[in-house]
Protein backbone atom coordinates (compact mmCIF):
# COMPACT_ATOMS: atom_id res chain seq x y z
CA MET A 1 11.24 21.44 1.74
CA ASP A 2 9.72 22.19 5.29
CA SER A 3 11.54 21.74 8.14
CA PHE A 4 10.74 18.97 9.74
CA LEU A 5 10.95 17.42 6.46
CA GLN A 6 14.58 17.97 6.27
CA ASN A 7 15.17 16.68 10.06
CA TYR A 8 13.00 13.69 8.89
CA TRP A 9 15.08 12.36 6.01
CA SER A 10 17.91 13.41 7.55
CA VAL A 11 17.65 11.32 10.73
CA TYR A 12 17.07 8.35 8.22
CA LEU A 13 20.04 8.90 6.88
CA ASP A 14 21.91 9.49 10.14
CA TYR A 15 20.52 5.76 11.09
CA LEU A 16 21.55 4.12 8.07
CA GLN A 17 24.60 5.69 7.58
CA ASP A 18 24.96 5.09 11.89
CA PHE A 19 23.83 1.11 11.73
CA GLU A 20 25.34 0.22 7.74
CA SER A 21 27.95 -2.13 9.55
CA LEU A 22 25.10 -4.34 10.86
CA GLU A 23 25.22 -7.09 7.72
CA TYR A 24 23.62 -10.64 7.26
CA LEU A 25 24.93 -12.28 4.32
CA GLY A 26 26.14 -9.10 2.90
CA PHE A 27 22.78 -7.07 3.39
CA SER A 28 24.08 -3.99 5.19
CA LEU A 29 20.63 -3.99 8.29
CA PRO A 30 19.39 -0.73 8.78
CA PHE A 31 18.92 -0.36 4.99
CA LEU A 32 15.40 -3.17 5.95
CA CYS A 33 14.81 -2.43 9.42
CA HIS A 34 12.47 0.69 8.31
CA LEU A 35 13.18 2.84 10.58
CA PRO A 36 9.57 4.79 9.30
CA SER A 37 7.78 1.91 10.65
CA TYR A 38 9.12 2.68 14.88
CA LEU A 39 8.73 7.34 13.62
CA LEU A 40 5.00 7.30 11.74
CA PRO A 41 2.71 5.93 15.03
CA LYS A 42 4.52 8.47 17.43
CA PRO A 43 3.04 12.27 16.89
CA SER A 44 5.08 13.02 19.75
CA LEU A 45 8.37 12.02 18.49
CA LEU A 46 7.39 12.85 14.86
CA THR A 47 6.61 16.91 16.56
CA GLN A 48 10.16 15.94 18.43
CA ILE A 49 12.25 15.65 14.90
CA GLU A 50 9.87 18.94 13.31
CA LYS A 51 12.08 20.67 16.37
CA MET A 52 15.46 18.65 16.63
CA ASP A 53 18.69 21.37 16.83
CA ARG A 54 20.36 20.38 13.58
CA LYS A 55 23.76 19.91 15.92
CA HIS A 56 22.30 16.23 16.29
CA LEU A 57 22.58 15.28 12.70
CA ARG A 58 25.10 14.78 10.73
CA ASN A 59 23.11 14.34 7.66
CA HIS A 60 21.38 17.77 6.72
CA VAL A 61 19.12 17.15 3.63
CA GLN A 62 18.35 19.70 1.54
CA ASN A 63 16.47 17.53 -0.96
CA GLN A 64 14.14 13.95 -1.18
CA LYS A 65 16.98 13.27 -4.04
CA GLU A 66 19.04 12.54 -1.32
CA ILE A 67 17.87 10.12 0.53
CA GLN A 68 17.13 8.58 -3.20
CA THR A 69 20.74 8.14 -4.74
CA VAL A 70 21.19 6.74 -1.19
CA PHE A 71 18.85 3.71 -1.63
CA ASN A 72 20.00 4.01 -5.30
CA GLN A 73 22.98 3.02 -4.83
CA PHE A 74 21.91 0.02 -2.66
CA VAL A 75 19.76 -1.37 -5.27
CA ALA A 76 22.71 -1.54 -7.44
CA THR A 77 25.06 -2.89 -5.02
CA HIS A 78 22.71 -5.85 -4.96
CA THR A 79 21.27 -6.59 -8.18
CA LYS A 80 22.68 -8.88 -10.91
CA PRO A 81 22.86 -8.91 -14.62
CA LYS A 82 19.48 -10.60 -15.30
CA ARG A 83 18.62 -13.96 -16.13
CA ARG A 84 16.72 -16.01 -17.94
CA VAL A 85 15.22 -18.84 -15.87
CA GLU A 86 14.14 -22.65 -17.29
CA ASN A 87 10.56 -22.84 -16.35
CA GLY A 88 10.73 -19.95 -13.92
CA LYS A 89 7.00 -18.83 -12.26
CA VAL A 90 5.75 -15.50 -11.84
CA VAL A 91 5.26 -15.63 -7.83
CA LEU A 92 2.76 -13.22 -6.10
CA HIS A 93 3.24 -11.47 -2.52
CA VAL A 94 0.23 -11.76 -0.93
CA ASP A 95 -0.26 -9.59 1.59
CA LYS A 96 -3.80 -7.24 2.89
CA LEU A 97 -2.63 -4.06 0.08
CA LEU A 98 -1.80 -6.24 -3.13
CA ARG A 99 -5.44 -7.20 -3.67
CA PHE A 100 -5.55 -8.06 -7.09
CA PRO A 101 -9.01 -9.41 -7.74
CA PRO A 102 -10.39 -12.93 -8.71
CA SER A 103 -11.25 -11.49 -12.77
CA THR A 104 -7.32 -10.30 -13.11
CA MET A 105 -6.38 -14.00 -11.75
CA GLN A 106 -8.81 -15.88 -14.34
CA SER A 107 -7.39 -14.05 -16.85
CA HIS A 108 -3.74 -13.26 -16.32
CA PHE A 109 -2.34 -14.97 -14.75
CA ASP A 110 -1.85 -18.46 -15.92
CA ARG A 111 -2.53 -20.72 -12.75
CA LYS A 112 0.41 -23.45 -14.05
CA LYS A 113 3.03 -20.66 -13.98
CA THR A 114 2.53 -18.63 -10.93
CA ILE A 115 2.89 -18.59 -7.29
CA LEU A 116 1.45 -16.63 -4.50
CA LEU A 117 3.73 -16.76 -1.63
CA ILE A 118 2.56 -15.16 2.05
CA ASN A 119 4.62 -14.71 4.84
CA SER A 120 3.64 -16.93 6.91
CA ASN A 121 4.42 -21.04 8.36
CA GLY A 122 0.46 -21.26 6.23
CA PRO A 123 -2.53 -22.60 7.84
CA LYS A 124 -3.66 -23.76 11.40
CA GLN A 125 -4.89 -27.27 11.12
CA LYS A 126 -8.55 -27.82 12.93
CA GLN A 127 -7.54 -31.43 13.43
CA VAL A 128 -3.85 -32.89 14.71
CA LYS A 129 -1.64 -33.96 11.96
CA PRO A 130 -1.00 -37.32 11.12
CA SER A 131 3.62 -37.26 11.19
CA LEU A 132 5.22 -37.58 8.01
CA LYS A 133 6.27 -40.85 7.88
CA THR A 134 1.97 -41.88 7.01
CA GLN A 135 0.86 -38.95 4.87
CA SER A 136 0.73 -39.58 1.08
CA PRO A 137 4.54 -38.91 -1.07
CA ARG A 138 3.03 -35.27 -2.70
CA THR A 139 1.79 -34.64 0.99
CA TYR A 140 5.56 -35.62 2.22
CA ARG A 141 7.15 -33.14 -0.51
CA ALA A 142 4.98 -30.47 0.33
CA LYS A 143 5.26 -30.20 3.43
CA THR A 144 8.65 -30.88 3.74
CA GLU A 145 10.07 -28.61 0.21
CA GLY A 146 7.64 -25.83 2.28
CA LYS A 147 4.69 -25.30 0.23
CA ALA A 148 1.17 -25.64 0.47
CA ILE A 149 -0.58 -28.84 -1.55
CA PRO A 150 -2.45 -26.97 -4.66
CA LEU A 151 -6.56 -26.81 -4.44
CA THR A 152 -8.34 -28.01 -7.40
CA ASN A 153 -11.41 -25.23 -6.00
CA THR A 154 -10.87 -22.52 -4.59
CA VAL A 155 -7.33 -20.54 -2.43
CA ARG A 156 -8.75 -18.93 0.23
CA VAL A 157 -5.49 -16.66 1.15
CA SER A 158 -7.86 -14.85 4.25
CA LYS A 159 -7.51 -18.41 6.24
CA SER A 160 -3.18 -17.44 6.38
CA LYS A 161 -1.69 -15.77 9.29
CA LEU A 162 -0.14 -12.61 7.39
CA LYS A 163 1.64 -11.01 10.11
CA GLY A 164 0.43 -10.81 14.02
CA LYS A 165 -3.39 -11.06 13.86
CA SER A 166 -4.32 -9.34 10.29
CA ARG A 167 -5.59 -11.34 7.83
CA SER A 168 -6.45 -10.63 3.58
CA ASN A 169 -9.18 -10.73 2.26
CA TYR A 170 -7.52 -12.08 -0.80
CA ARG A 171 -9.36 -14.43 -3.09
CA VAL A 172 -8.55 -16.71 -5.43
CA THR A 173 -10.94 -18.14 -7.68
CA GLN A 174 -8.40 -20.73 -9.46
CA ASN A 175 -5.92 -23.74 -8.56
CA MET A 176 -2.94 -21.57 -7.62
CA LEU A 177 -0.18 -23.24 -5.88
CA THR A 178 0.90 -21.66 -2.46
CA TYR A 179 4.31 -20.88 -0.40
CA TYR A 180 4.62 -20.58 2.89
CA LEU A 181 7.88 -18.34 3.49
CA GLN A 182 8.57 -18.72 7.23
CA ASN A 183 8.51 -22.48 6.05
CA TYR A 184 12.60 -21.57 3.98
CA THR A 185 13.78 -19.57 6.64
CA GLY A 186 17.21 -21.49 7.21
CA GLU A 187 19.43 -21.87 11.17
CA VAL A 188 19.96 -17.82 11.50
CA GLU A 189 19.66 -17.88 15.65
CA SER A 190 23.82 -17.61 15.74
CA ALA A 191 23.54 -14.15 13.47
CA ILE A 192 21.39 -12.89 15.34
CA LYS A 193 22.63 -12.55 18.78
CA GLU A 194 25.74 -11.77 16.61
CA ALA A 195 24.35 -8.67 15.73
CA GLN A 196 22.00 -7.66 18.02
CA GLN A 197 25.26 -7.82 20.75
CA LYS A 198 27.83 -5.37 17.87
CA ALA A 199 23.64 -3.24 17.84
CA ARG A 200 24.48 -2.92 21.53
CA GLN A 201 27.91 -1.77 20.70
CA ILE A 202 26.80 1.05 18.13
CA LEU A 203 24.08 2.13 20.78
CA ALA A 204 26.82 2.75 23.24
CA GLY A 205 27.91 5.13 21.76
CA PHE A 206 24.69 7.16 21.54
CA LYS A 207 24.40 7.60 25.20
CA ASN A 208 22.85 11.53 24.84
CA HIS A 209 21.53 10.75 20.84
CA PRO A 210 17.65 12.29 21.36
CA ILE A 211 16.36 8.82 19.84
CA TYR A 212 18.86 6.11 20.05
CA SER A 213 18.57 6.19 23.57
CA ASP A 214 15.15 5.94 24.05
CA PRO A 215 15.08 2.62 25.74
CA ALA A 216 11.34 2.08 23.18
CA PHE A 217 14.53 2.56 19.87
CA GLN A 218 16.60 -0.24 21.07
CA LYS A 219 13.86 -2.31 22.28
CA TRP A 220 12.40 -1.38 18.31
CA LEU A 221 15.75 -2.22 16.83
CA LEU A 222 17.39 -5.57 19.39
CA ASN A 223 13.33 -6.25 17.23
CA ASN A 224 13.74 -5.77 14.30
CA ILE A 225 17.22 -7.16 13.94
CA LEU A 226 16.03 -10.96 14.59
CA VAL A 227 12.66 -11.05 12.37
CA VAL A 228 15.00 -8.48 9.11
CA ILE A 229 17.33 -11.52 9.69
CA ARG A 230 15.21 -14.34 10.00
CA GLN A 231 13.15 -12.22 7.15
CA ILE A 232 16.36 -13.06 4.76
CA SER A 233 16.95 -16.43 5.59
CA ALA A 234 13.40 -17.01 4.79
CA ALA A 235 13.96 -15.13 1.48
CA VAL A 236 17.57 -16.62 0.01
CA GLY A 237 16.09 -20.75 0.63
CA PHE A 238 12.77 -19.94 -1.41
CA LEU A 239 14.46 -18.08 -4.17
CA LYS A 240 17.40 -20.26 -4.03
CA ARG A 241 14.60 -23.21 -3.80
CA VAL A 242 12.07 -22.58 -5.56
CA PRO A 243 12.62 -21.04 -9.98
CA VAL A 244 11.36 -17.54 -10.22
CA SER A 245 11.58 -15.04 -13.54
CA CYS A 246 9.45 -12.03 -11.24
CA LEU A 247 8.41 -10.93 -8.83
CA VAL A 248 5.42 -8.99 -7.79
CA VAL A 249 4.80 -6.98 -4.23
CA SER A 250 2.10 -4.82 -2.90
CA THR A 251 4.07 -2.35 -1.07
CA THR A 252 8.91 -1.74 -0.45
CA HIS A 253 7.95 -0.15 2.80
CA SER A 254 6.52 -3.41 4.17
CA TYR A 255 9.79 -5.31 5.46
CA VAL A 256 9.12 -8.07 4.02
CA SER A 257 8.73 -7.08 0.59
CA ARG A 258 11.30 -5.53 0.44
CA ILE A 259 13.60 -7.63 1.34
CA LEU A 260 12.13 -10.40 -1.18
CA SER A 261 13.08 -7.44 -4.20
CA ILE A 262 16.44 -7.41 -2.82
CA VAL A 263 16.88 -10.61 -2.73
CA ALA A 264 16.06 -11.54 -5.61
CA ALA A 265 17.86 -8.51 -7.02
CA GLU A 266 20.97 -10.27 -6.18
CA LYS A 267 19.56 -12.95 -7.51
CA GLY A 268 18.87 -10.95 -10.73
CA ILE A 269 15.13 -12.28 -11.00
CA PRO A 270 13.36 -8.31 -11.31
CA SER A 271 10.38 -6.93 -8.97
CA ILE A 272 7.85 -5.36 -9.58
CA CYS A 273 5.86 -3.42 -6.91
CA MET A 274 2.04 -1.30 -7.68
CA GLN A 275 1.09 1.00 -5.85
CA HIS A 276 -1.67 0.25 -3.41
CA GLY A 277 -2.71 4.14 -2.59
CA ILE A 278 -2.50 7.11 -4.01
CA ILE A 279 0.78 9.45 -3.08
CA SER A 280 -1.08 11.87 -0.59
CA SER A 281 2.14 12.05 1.77
CA GLU A 282 5.51 11.54 0.42
CA LEU A 283 6.68 9.76 3.92
CA GLY A 284 4.78 6.17 3.15
CA TYR A 285 6.50 6.15 -1.14
CA ILE A 286 9.85 7.31 -0.87
CA PRO A 287 12.61 5.58 -1.32
CA LYS A 288 11.95 2.96 -4.36
CA ILE A 289 13.15 -0.38 -4.51
CA ALA A 290 11.50 -2.36 -7.00
CA THR A 291 13.36 -2.78 -10.27
CA VAL A 292 10.60 -1.45 -11.86
CA ASP A 293 7.45 0.39 -9.58
CA ALA A 294 4.09 0.16 -11.54
CA VAL A 295 1.61 3.06 -11.11
CA TYR A 296 -1.16 4.88 -11.80
CA GLY A 297 -0.51 7.92 -14.04
CA ASN A 298 2.56 10.02 -14.92
CA TYR A 299 1.25 11.88 -11.93
CA GLU A 300 3.50 9.40 -10.33
CA LYS A 301 5.75 9.14 -13.12
CA GLU A 302 7.34 12.58 -12.79
CA PHE A 303 7.15 12.26 -8.94
CA TYR A 304 10.04 9.38 -8.72
CA LEU A 305 11.33 10.17 -11.77
CA ASN A 306 11.82 14.17 -10.14
CA LEU A 307 13.22 12.18 -6.93
CA GLY A 308 16.17 10.86 -9.03
CA ALA A 309 14.98 7.37 -9.51
CA PRO A 310 16.95 5.34 -12.49
CA LYS A 311 15.67 6.01 -16.01
CA GLY A 312 12.70 2.75 -17.33
CA SER A 313 12.43 1.67 -13.29
CA VAL A 314 8.93 3.47 -13.10
CA GLU A 315 5.93 2.38 -15.67
CA VAL A 316 2.64 3.22 -15.76
CA ILE A 317 -0.04 0.57 -15.02
CA GLY A 318 -2.76 1.42 -13.12
CA HIS A 319 -3.89 -1.16 -10.36
CA PRO A 320 -6.08 -4.26 -11.79
CA ARG A 321 -8.65 -3.87 -8.81
CA PHE A 322 -9.95 0.06 -10.71
CA ASP A 323 -10.77 -3.25 -13.07
CA GLU A 324 -13.37 -3.84 -11.79
CA ARG A 325 -15.05 -1.09 -12.73
CA PHE A 326 -15.76 -2.92 -15.96
CA ASN A 327 -16.84 -5.82 -14.28
CA THR A 328 -19.19 -5.05 -11.71
CA LYS A 329 -22.09 -5.63 -11.31
CA VAL A 330 -24.10 -2.89 -10.71
CA VAL A 331 -26.95 -2.83 -8.59
CA ARG A 332 -30.19 -1.54 -9.11
CA ARG A 333 -30.69 2.17 -7.83
CA ALA A 334 -34.83 1.53 -6.59
CA THR A 335 -32.74 -1.71 -4.90
CA PHE A 336 -30.52 -0.48 -3.44
CA ASP A 337 -33.11 3.21 -2.01
CA LYS A 338 -35.05 0.86 -0.53
CA LYS A 339 -31.98 -1.33 1.38
CA LEU A 340 -30.81 1.82 2.92
CA GLY A 341 -34.25 3.20 3.86
CA LEU A 342 -33.51 6.97 1.21
CA ASN A 343 -35.29 9.43 -0.40
CA PRO A 344 -35.77 7.82 -4.22
CA ARG A 345 -36.47 11.65 -4.81
CA ARG A 346 -34.50 12.38 -3.82
CA LYS A 347 -30.26 12.76 -4.89
CA ASN A 348 -27.82 10.81 -3.16
CA VAL A 349 -24.26 12.15 -2.28
CA MET A 350 -21.21 9.81 -0.74
CA ILE A 351 -18.84 11.34 1.72
CA ALA A 352 -16.05 9.74 2.37
CA LEU A 353 -14.43 9.64 6.46
CA ARG A 354 -11.97 7.91 8.26
CA GLY A 355 -14.18 7.24 11.43
CA GLU A 356 -13.81 10.58 14.04
CA ASP A 357 -10.95 12.53 12.19
CA ASP A 358 -11.57 15.20 11.78
CA ILE A 359 -15.15 14.67 13.32
CA ASN A 360 -15.75 18.58 13.26
CA ARG A 361 -15.62 20.38 10.06
CA TRP A 362 -17.23 17.39 8.62
CA ARG A 363 -20.39 17.85 10.82
CA ILE A 364 -20.05 21.70 9.59
CA LEU A 365 -19.96 20.33 5.67
CA ILE A 366 -22.73 18.48 6.28
CA LYS A 367 -25.19 20.88 8.76
CA LYS A 368 -25.10 23.66 5.55
CA ILE A 369 -25.32 21.37 2.72
CA ASP A 370 -28.95 19.44 4.65
CA ARG A 371 -29.16 22.66 5.75
CA LYS A 372 -30.05 24.13 1.85
CA LEU A 373 -29.79 21.23 -0.26
CA LYS A 374 -32.77 18.24 -0.76
CA VAL A 375 -30.26 15.20 -0.55
CA ASN A 376 -29.53 11.76 1.11
CA ILE A 377 -26.27 12.18 1.74
CA LEU A 378 -24.57 8.56 2.89
CA ILE A 379 -21.72 7.99 5.17
CA LYS A 380 -18.81 5.45 4.10
CA ASN A 381 -16.55 5.16 6.98
CA TYR A 382 -13.37 3.33 7.15
CA PRO A 383 -12.10 1.20 8.50
CA SER A 384 -14.96 0.71 10.67
CA LYS A 385 -17.89 -1.32 8.92
CA GLN A 386 -20.76 -0.57 11.80
CA PRO A 387 -22.33 2.81 10.67
CA HIS A 388 -20.50 6.20 11.57
CA ILE A 389 -20.96 8.36 14.40
CA LEU A 390 -22.79 11.46 12.21
CA THR A 391 -26.25 9.03 11.44
CA LYS A 392 -27.22 9.38 14.76
CA GLU A 393 -27.23 13.72 14.12
CA PHE A 394 -29.31 14.73 11.02
CA ARG A 395 -32.18 12.86 9.60
CA HIS A 396 -30.73 12.62 5.48
CA VAL A 397 -27.89 10.94 6.46
CA TYR A 398 -27.09 7.21 6.25
CA SER A 399 -24.66 4.47 6.35
CA THR A 400 -23.81 2.62 3.69
CA GLY A 401 -24.39 -0.67 5.36
CA SER A 402 -22.74 -3.56 3.79
CA TYR A 403 -22.55 -1.78 -0.04
CA GLY A 404 -18.70 -1.86 -1.37
CA LEU A 405 -16.95 1.48 -3.65
CA TYR A 406 -18.41 -0.49 -6.27
CA ASP A 407 -21.60 -0.98 -5.70
CA ILE A 408 -21.90 2.35 -4.08
CA PHE A 409 -20.77 4.29 -7.31
CA PRO A 410 -23.09 4.28 -9.63
CA ASN A 411 -26.01 5.01 -7.74
CA VAL A 412 -24.78 7.82 -5.97
CA ASP A 413 -24.94 11.92 -7.83
CA ALA A 414 -21.66 13.30 -5.78
CA VAL A 415 -18.76 11.67 -4.02
CA VAL A 416 -16.72 13.91 -1.32
CA THR A 417 -13.95 12.97 -0.02
CA TYR A 418 -10.66 13.86 2.49
CA SER A 419 -6.86 13.09 1.18
CA SER A 420 -8.37 9.73 -0.03
CA THR A 421 -7.81 7.25 -3.03
CA VAL A 422 -11.65 7.02 -3.28
CA GLY A 423 -11.91 10.27 -4.65
CA LEU A 424 -9.78 8.54 -7.78
CA GLU A 425 -11.84 5.81 -8.02
CA ALA A 426 -14.94 7.48 -7.90
CA MET A 427 -13.49 9.73 -10.76
CA LEU A 428 -12.73 6.86 -12.54
CA HIS A 429 -16.55 6.13 -12.33
CA GLY A 430 -17.29 9.35 -13.40
CA LYS A 431 -18.47 11.56 -10.56
CA PRO A 432 -17.98 15.11 -9.05
CA VAL A 433 -15.40 14.63 -6.87
CA PHE A 434 -14.47 16.95 -3.87
CA VAL A 435 -12.43 17.28 -1.48
CA LEU A 436 -11.57 18.11 1.70
CA ASN A 437 -8.54 18.52 2.43
CA LYS A 438 -5.51 20.03 5.59
CA SER A 439 -2.27 19.83 5.23
CA PHE A 440 0.00 16.96 7.20
CA ARG A 441 3.31 15.18 6.92
CA GLY A 442 5.08 14.96 3.80
CA PHE A 443 1.64 16.80 1.70
CA THR A 444 2.53 16.38 -1.77
CA GLY A 445 -0.61 18.12 -2.66
CA TYR A 446 -1.97 15.44 -4.92
CA TYR A 447 -5.60 16.66 -5.57
CA HIS A 448 -4.47 20.46 -6.35
CA LEU A 449 -5.03 19.93 -9.48
CA LEU A 450 -8.68 19.95 -8.67
CA ASP A 451 -8.90 23.13 -8.47
CA GLN A 452 -11.60 24.65 -6.92
CA LEU A 453 -13.17 21.35 -5.34
CA GLU A 454 -10.63 20.95 -3.21
CA GLN A 455 -10.62 22.92 -0.07
CA THR A 456 -9.54 23.29 3.44
CA SER A 457 -12.59 25.06 4.58
CA PRO A 458 -15.73 22.50 5.01
CA GLY A 459 -17.80 25.63 4.71
CA VAL A 460 -16.43 27.31 1.49
CA LEU A 461 -16.85 23.25 0.51
CA ALA A 462 -20.20 22.36 1.10
CA ASN A 463 -21.23 26.48 -1.34
CA ILE A 464 -19.52 24.76 -3.65
CA ILE A 465 -20.90 21.32 -3.48
CA ILE A 466 -24.39 23.52 -2.83
CA LYS A 467 -23.23 25.14 -6.50
CA TYR A 468 -22.68 22.20 -8.44
CA PHE A 469 -26.08 20.62 -7.46
CA SER A 470 -28.52 24.49 -8.41
CA ASP A 471 -25.65 25.69 -11.30
CA ALA A 472 -25.76 23.13 -15.03
CA LYS A 473 -22.38 25.81 -15.75
CA PHE A 474 -20.58 25.26 -13.07
CA ARG A 475 -21.67 20.95 -13.41
CA HIS A 476 -20.26 20.99 -17.14
CA TYR A 477 -17.19 22.77 -15.44
CA THR A 478 -17.11 20.26 -12.83
CA ASP A 479 -16.80 17.41 -15.80
CA LYS A 480 -13.86 19.23 -17.16
CA ILE A 481 -11.41 19.26 -14.47
CA ARG A 482 -12.88 15.56 -13.82
CA LYS A 483 -11.16 15.19 -16.79
CA SER A 484 -8.44 17.25 -16.76
CA PHE A 485 -7.86 14.91 -13.63
CA LEU A 486 -7.95 11.69 -14.50
CA SER A 487 -5.67 12.88 -18.13
CA LYS A 488 -2.64 12.93 -14.95
CA ALA A 489 -3.45 10.39 -12.69
CA TYR A 490 -4.64 7.78 -14.46
CA SER A 491 -5.11 8.05 -18.10
CA ILE A 492 -5.38 4.61 -19.39
CA GLN A 493 -8.53 3.53 -20.36
CA SER A 494 -7.45 -0.73 -21.23
CA SER A 495 -7.23 -3.26 -18.53
CA SER A 496 -4.50 -2.94 -15.96
CA GLY A 497 -4.22 -6.67 -15.82
CA GLU A 498 -3.08 -6.89 -18.91
CA ARG A 499 -0.63 -4.25 -19.26
CA LEU A 500 0.99 -5.65 -15.74
CA LYS A 501 1.01 -8.84 -17.51
CA THR A 502 3.25 -6.75 -20.79
CA LEU A 503 5.87 -5.94 -18.00
CA ILE A 504 5.57 -8.77 -17.37
CA LYS A 505 6.26 -10.77 -20.62
CA ARG A 506 9.20 -8.06 -21.09
CA LEU A 507 10.87 -8.54 -17.88
CA THR A 508 11.07 -11.87 -18.01
CA LYS A 509 12.71 -12.21 -21.66
């Protein structure tokens, strides 16, 4: 554990203790007011934490186990014995990270026993709503009970406001009932004012604190108290009025999912947290909260157990979105090449980039490959849909256009990426993967098992890629490395959706 992580987790532990007396319905609010959401978007603050004099810290964390242990105790305090719920529903909290494909919903979730839960008041109506008095009894019930009327064809969650202006691309091609969580919020304004006033009193005692004394932090804390209390009220109201047997969330590092999971635990309802991406940095995955974390492979299982996660609280499930590799209709190579304007006589190499991050390093790599190999280089630009700027600098560099990853993988001969889930997905499609890596805060070294195929130097990685296309023996080595990596990172060959279904059955017996 380096000095940054020691200070970062010490700051977090101090925060939990300094504000632990802030409560609502028995829940200590700092465990639910997610401090990393304030810290992580601020590079200058992270640098300040890294250089912080430890005299400002009451706790001196030496190991990540210390933070997980505190959260284990918090979760245990709010966990009641599991109870069987008559006609209980499986609730899927739908947000932009859940990403269950329609095929999973159709094959593994009974529409009569499944509820989609969205953190909003419901979709905006384009026309004037009729008064409740003129609505049908069924519509009236749906409105007053805070749930949507089931649609006969398709539930388009993408039309529902989730948080701020973000929208989910989730789509369910089944008749599933959708509930809107914010419709269950009770009267909480007096509780909010009381908690905020208490927070101001606590803050007054930290006038010289390097973080708490900042007006930006104080504004964040007071606003989060408001949001979190309303969210707790909504979760309590929902779980009180709707029979739920199991809750599935995408991450417990969203305050919405974390609150749902904790409130569910207090009612004896198990929760499952899916893994939404590779654990490239520990900062987005510690601590573990849910009853069971459904992870990709043994790498993550060992990661959490080494942190001190309770035995039986981590299951290797994979992720249903990766099941799409079995279901996606393959675009013909000739069609693919023609649409993107590629030279069909050349091999195709896809490079996954994140905007202009590290653009100079990628420019060096592309320049060397373009000079030494006769290949088409395709750039998948994330999160933008626009062609990457580097497609304009090189003659044989192209945009992937509107094609999705699972359309691209069958039509490329190699994939190059940064420390991204794209690398894992490409290997699951049988593709050789080369990673241009770098160290960053919370770096886990996820791709270290790729040996030579992971490099920090763009020039060295370019040489490795060139060698792959010119040396049959090295190609054999590359395939061996890929299989070895997957044996730890994602060894399951069966349907992840089926494994998840089995886990839900076991937890709800």
